[in-house]
Protein backbone atom coordinates (compact mmCIF):
# COMPACT_ATOMS: atom_id res chain seq x y z
CA MET A 1 5.97 -17.22 -8.01
CA ARG A 2 2.20 -17.13 -8.29
CA THR A 3 -0.62 -18.00 -5.95
CA GLN A 4 -4.43 -18.00 -5.92
CA LEU A 5 -6.54 -15.47 -4.07
CA GLU A 6 -10.11 -16.57 -3.51
CA GLY A 7 -13.11 -14.55 -2.40
CA ARG A 8 -14.40 -11.07 -3.16
CA ASN A 9 -12.93 -9.33 -0.12
CA VAL A 10 -9.55 -11.00 -0.53
CA VAL A 11 -9.20 -10.08 -4.20
CA LEU A 12 -10.49 -6.55 -3.68
CA GLU A 13 -8.10 -5.98 -0.77
CA ALA A 14 -5.18 -7.16 -2.88
CA LEU A 15 -6.11 -4.81 -5.72
CA GLU A 16 -6.62 -1.82 -3.43
CA ARG A 17 -3.27 -2.38 -1.71
CA GLY A 18 -1.33 -2.59 -4.94
CA ARG A 19 -0.51 -6.28 -4.96
CA LYS A 20 0.40 -7.60 -8.39
CA VAL A 21 -2.56 -9.46 -9.91
CA PHE A 22 -2.16 -11.16 -13.27
CA GLU A 23 -5.71 -12.26 -14.08
CA ILE A 24 -9.10 -12.71 -12.45
CA TYR A 25 -11.84 -15.27 -13.02
CA ILE A 26 -15.36 -14.23 -12.10
CA ASP A 27 -18.47 -16.39 -12.07
CA ILE A 28 -20.85 -15.48 -14.91
CA GLY A 29 -23.64 -14.96 -12.40
CA ALA A 30 -21.63 -12.93 -9.86
CA ARG A 31 -23.05 -9.47 -9.19
CA GLY A 32 -22.76 -6.80 -6.51
CA GLU A 33 -20.85 -3.76 -5.34
CA LYS A 34 -17.59 -5.60 -4.67
CA VAL A 35 -17.65 -7.29 -8.07
CA ASP A 36 -18.18 -3.86 -9.64
CA LYS A 37 -15.20 -2.47 -7.69
CA ILE A 38 -13.03 -5.37 -8.83
CA TYR A 39 -13.99 -4.59 -12.43
CA THR A 40 -13.30 -0.87 -12.02
CA ILE A 41 -9.85 -1.30 -10.47
CA SER A 42 -8.87 -4.10 -12.86
CA LYS A 43 -9.79 -1.99 -15.87
CA ARG A 44 -7.67 0.89 -14.58
CA LEU A 45 -4.72 -1.45 -14.02
CA ASN A 46 -5.21 -3.38 -17.28
CA ILE A 47 -5.76 -6.67 -15.48
CA ARG A 48 -7.51 -9.30 -17.57
CA ILE A 49 -10.86 -10.54 -16.28
CA GLU A 50 -12.54 -13.65 -17.64
CA ARG A 51 -16.15 -14.60 -16.98
CA LYS A 52 -16.35 -18.33 -16.25
CA ASP A 53 -19.16 -20.69 -15.31
CA ARG A 54 -19.36 -21.94 -11.74
CA LYS A 55 -18.05 -25.39 -12.63
CA PHE A 56 -14.72 -23.92 -13.78
CA LEU A 57 -14.24 -22.02 -10.51
CA ASP A 58 -15.28 -25.04 -8.44
CA LYS A 59 -12.72 -27.13 -10.31
CA ILE A 60 -9.72 -24.84 -9.70
CA THR A 61 -10.57 -23.63 -6.19
CA LYS A 62 -8.14 -24.47 -3.39
CA THR A 63 -10.36 -23.22 -0.58
CA ASP A 64 -13.88 -24.40 -1.56
CA SER A 65 -15.05 -20.89 -0.68
CA HIS A 66 -14.32 -18.66 -3.66
CA GLN A 67 -17.56 -16.59 -3.72
CA GLY A 68 -17.41 -16.57 -7.50
CA VAL A 69 -14.06 -14.73 -7.66
CA ILE A 70 -10.56 -16.20 -8.04
CA ALA A 71 -7.45 -14.18 -8.88
CA ILE A 72 -3.97 -15.31 -9.89
CA SER A 73 -1.51 -13.04 -8.12
CA GLU A 74 2.11 -12.74 -7.12
CA THR A 75 3.26 -14.57 -4.01
CA LEU A 76 4.03 -12.04 -1.29
CA GLN A 77 7.74 -11.52 -0.77
CA GLU A 78 8.95 -12.21 2.74
CA GLU A 79 10.14 -9.10 4.54
CA LYS A 80 12.99 -8.76 7.01
CA LEU A 81 11.84 -8.40 10.61
CA LYS A 82 14.44 -5.74 11.41
CA GLU A 83 13.21 -3.53 8.56
CA VAL A 84 9.56 -4.01 9.52
CA LEU A 85 10.16 -3.04 13.15
CA ALA A 86 12.27 -0.02 12.19
CA LYS A 87 9.15 1.47 10.60
CA ALA A 88 6.78 0.60 13.46
CA LYS A 89 5.69 3.35 15.85
CA ASN A 90 4.82 0.99 18.71
CA PRO A 91 6.39 -2.36 17.73
CA LEU A 92 4.44 -5.51 18.52
CA VAL A 93 5.62 -8.91 17.36
CA LEU A 94 3.51 -12.06 17.53
CA ILE A 95 5.49 -15.31 17.51
CA LEU A 96 3.68 -18.57 16.85
CA LYS A 97 5.60 -21.60 18.04
CA ASP A 98 3.43 -23.85 15.91
CA THR A 99 0.30 -23.35 13.84
CA VAL A 100 -1.26 -26.68 12.96
CA TYR A 101 -4.39 -25.36 11.26
CA GLU A 102 -4.43 -22.97 8.30
CA HIS A 103 -7.72 -21.46 9.45
CA ASN A 104 -6.07 -20.47 12.74
CA LEU A 105 -3.29 -18.55 11.02
CA GLY A 106 -5.80 -16.82 8.75
CA ALA A 107 -7.89 -15.76 11.74
CA ILE A 108 -4.78 -14.64 13.64
CA LEU A 109 -3.72 -12.52 10.66
CA ARG A 110 -7.10 -10.77 10.63
CA THR A 111 -6.98 -10.15 14.39
CA SER A 112 -3.37 -8.97 14.13
CA ALA A 113 -4.25 -6.41 11.48
CA ALA A 114 -7.08 -5.09 13.65
CA SER A 115 -4.97 -4.92 16.83
CA GLY A 116 -1.85 -3.28 15.41
CA VAL A 117 0.61 -6.18 15.22
CA SER A 118 3.78 -5.23 13.33
CA ALA A 119 4.77 -8.73 12.20
CA ILE A 120 4.06 -12.41 12.78
CA VAL A 121 6.99 -14.79 13.09
CA VAL A 122 6.52 -18.49 12.44
CA GLY A 123 9.07 -21.29 12.66
CA GLN A 124 11.24 -21.89 9.63
CA THR A 125 9.39 -25.12 8.92
CA ASN A 126 6.31 -22.96 8.23
CA ARG A 127 7.90 -20.79 5.53
CA GLN A 128 5.08 -21.52 3.07
CA ALA A 129 2.60 -20.23 5.62
CA LEU A 130 0.53 -18.06 3.27
CA THR A 131 -1.50 -20.74 1.53
CA PRO A 132 -4.69 -19.86 -0.40
CA ILE A 133 -6.73 -21.00 2.61
CA VAL A 134 -4.77 -18.77 5.01
CA GLU A 135 -5.17 -15.78 2.69
CA ARG A 136 -8.88 -16.52 2.23
CA VAL A 137 -9.57 -16.71 5.98
CA SER A 138 -7.47 -13.60 6.65
CA MET A 139 -9.85 -11.63 4.39
CA GLY A 140 -6.97 -9.68 2.90
CA ALA A 141 -5.04 -9.12 6.13
CA SER A 142 -2.13 -11.06 4.60
CA ASN A 143 -1.50 -7.93 2.53
CA ILE A 144 -1.16 -5.87 5.73
CA ILE A 145 0.77 -7.99 8.24
CA PRO A 146 4.04 -9.61 7.12
CA VAL A 147 4.49 -13.26 8.01
CA ILE A 148 8.17 -14.07 8.49
CA GLY A 149 9.75 -17.50 8.71
CA ALA A 150 12.66 -17.52 11.15
CA SER A 151 14.25 -19.41 14.02
CA ILE A 152 12.10 -18.67 17.04
CA GLN A 153 14.96 -19.04 19.52
CA SER A 154 17.25 -16.72 17.55
CA THR A 155 14.47 -14.16 17.03
CA LEU A 156 13.70 -14.09 20.75
CA SER A 157 17.37 -13.66 21.62
CA VAL A 158 17.78 -10.73 19.23
CA LEU A 159 14.58 -8.96 20.29
CA LYS A 160 15.37 -9.43 23.98
CA LYS A 161 18.77 -7.77 23.48
CA GLU A 162 17.04 -4.89 21.73
CA GLY A 163 14.86 -4.24 24.76
CA TYR A 164 11.59 -5.89 23.80
CA ARG A 165 9.55 -7.39 26.60
CA ILE A 166 8.95 -11.09 25.90
CA VAL A 167 5.53 -12.28 27.04
CA GLY A 168 4.69 -15.97 26.78
CA VAL A 169 1.08 -17.11 26.73
CA GLU A 170 0.75 -20.50 28.40
CA LEU A 171 -1.85 -22.41 30.42
CA THR A 172 0.61 -22.67 33.32
CA GLY A 173 1.43 -18.95 33.26
CA ASP A 174 2.23 -17.05 36.44
CA ILE A 175 -0.39 -14.32 36.09
CA ASN A 176 -3.70 -13.70 34.33
CA TYR A 177 -3.13 -11.90 31.04
CA PHE A 178 -5.36 -8.95 32.06
CA ASP A 179 -3.31 -8.38 35.22
CA ALA A 180 0.00 -8.15 33.37
CA ASP A 181 1.52 -4.98 31.93
CA LEU A 182 1.36 -5.46 28.16
CA THR A 183 2.23 -1.92 27.12
CA GLY A 184 5.27 -0.79 25.17
CA SER A 185 7.44 -2.70 22.70
CA THR A 186 6.30 -6.26 23.20
CA VAL A 187 6.75 -9.75 21.82
CA LEU A 188 3.88 -12.18 22.42
CA VAL A 189 4.74 -15.87 22.10
CA LEU A 190 2.00 -18.46 21.69
CA GLY A 191 2.12 -22.23 21.44
CA SER A 192 -0.50 -24.24 19.59
CA GLU A 193 -3.55 -25.69 21.35
CA ASP A 194 -1.95 -29.12 20.96
CA GLU A 195 1.35 -28.19 22.57
CA GLY A 196 2.30 -25.37 24.89
CA LEU A 197 5.55 -23.44 24.91
CA SER A 198 8.75 -25.43 25.25
CA LEU A 199 10.98 -24.91 28.29
CA PRO A 200 13.75 -23.16 26.26
CA ILE A 201 11.18 -20.64 24.99
CA VAL A 202 9.71 -20.11 28.46
CA ALA A 203 13.25 -19.46 29.74
CA LYS A 204 13.57 -16.52 27.33
CA CYS A 205 10.28 -14.93 28.44
CA ASP A 206 10.24 -12.00 30.87
CA ILE A 207 6.79 -13.09 31.99
CA VAL A 208 4.39 -15.91 31.17
CA VAL A 209 0.68 -15.12 31.31
CA ARG A 210 -2.32 -17.39 31.30
CA VAL A 211 -5.91 -17.18 30.14
CA PRO A 212 -7.96 -18.35 33.14
CA MET A 213 -10.47 -21.06 32.24
CA MET A 214 -13.29 -22.89 33.96
CA ASN A 215 -14.94 -26.30 33.74
CA ASN A 216 -11.62 -28.10 33.41
CA VAL A 217 -11.10 -26.82 29.85
CA GLN A 218 -7.44 -27.46 29.07
CA SER A 219 -6.80 -25.14 26.13
CA LEU A 220 -8.27 -22.55 23.79
CA ASN A 221 -8.16 -22.32 20.05
CA GLN A 222 -4.89 -20.57 19.19
CA SER A 223 -6.61 -17.73 17.34
CA VAL A 224 -8.98 -17.11 20.26
CA ALA A 225 -6.13 -16.94 22.77
CA ALA A 226 -4.24 -14.56 20.49
CA ALA A 227 -7.29 -12.29 20.15
CA LEU A 228 -7.84 -12.09 23.90
CA VAL A 229 -4.28 -11.09 24.71
CA LEU A 230 -3.82 -8.77 21.73
CA PHE A 231 -6.92 -6.75 22.47
CA GLU A 232 -6.05 -6.56 26.16
CA LYS A 233 -2.84 -4.88 25.02
CA VAL A 234 -4.91 -2.52 22.86
CA ARG A 235 -7.11 -1.72 25.86
CA GLN A 236 -4.11 -0.95 28.07
CA GLU A 237 -2.49 1.25 25.41
CA LYS A 238 -5.74 3.20 24.94
CA LEU A 239 -5.95 3.83 28.69
CA ILE A 240 -2.47 5.37 28.62
CA GLU A 241 -3.41 7.52 25.62
CA ARG A 242 -6.46 8.86 27.45
CA LYS A 243 -4.40 9.70 30.54
CA ASN A 244 -1.82 11.51 28.43
CA ASP A 245 -4.54 13.50 26.66
CA LYS A 246 -5.88 14.91 29.93
C-alpha cells in the first residue's frame, strides 16, 4: 500500500531513515537546504523527482500544508508489540484509549520520539491511525515510533503479567503525576479530552495519576497531558542516572 508524505521535514526524515519512497513532487519555486538534501538523497537512491507548479500540489494535498514537497511512499508496516519491547532498553508503552483528532496523535508521536517511548498502542478501531495529517504533524516521528492497533484490555493484561507498571492518567487520579514514581518499565494509559478512562481500564492500573488544574478547567488537550507526564518520567530517570554516576 502507498501513502502521501507532505512537508520538507517529513519527506527528508523518511528518506534518511530508509523508508521506501516511490516518487517526489516538488514545487517549481521551492528552494533551500532541505530541498537540496531531498534531491541529493533521491538521486543516490534513484527516486524520481518531478517539478510541479503550486496548483498541482495544492490539488493533490491531503494536509493543506505541504511546503512545496509531496512524496508517494510505502505505508508503514505495523510491528508486533512483543518484538518492539524485546529490543527496548528501558521499555515505555503509551496507550491511547481514544484519539479523536489527527493533530493530537501527530503531536503525541513527536513528543513520544523525543521522550523515549518504545511504542504507542491505539484501539483496534484506529488501525489506520497513520494518516497523511498524522504523519505531517509528527514531523517524521512516525518513522521512529511504531503505532500498533490492538485490544487495549488484552494489551494491559499481557503487560501487567510481564511486570510492567500500569499508570493511568485521569482527572480523578489519586496522586499528582509529579509525585508518583514513574521510573522503570512503564505503561502510560491516557483517555481523550472528551472521555476519561473507563472503569475496566482503571481497574487494571497500578496507580492513576492526575494533572492538577486551576480555574475549574476540566481537561487538557490529550497531547499536552501526554507531554507533561512523559517528560516527568524523563526527569525522574535522569535523576537516577545522575545518582548512579556519582
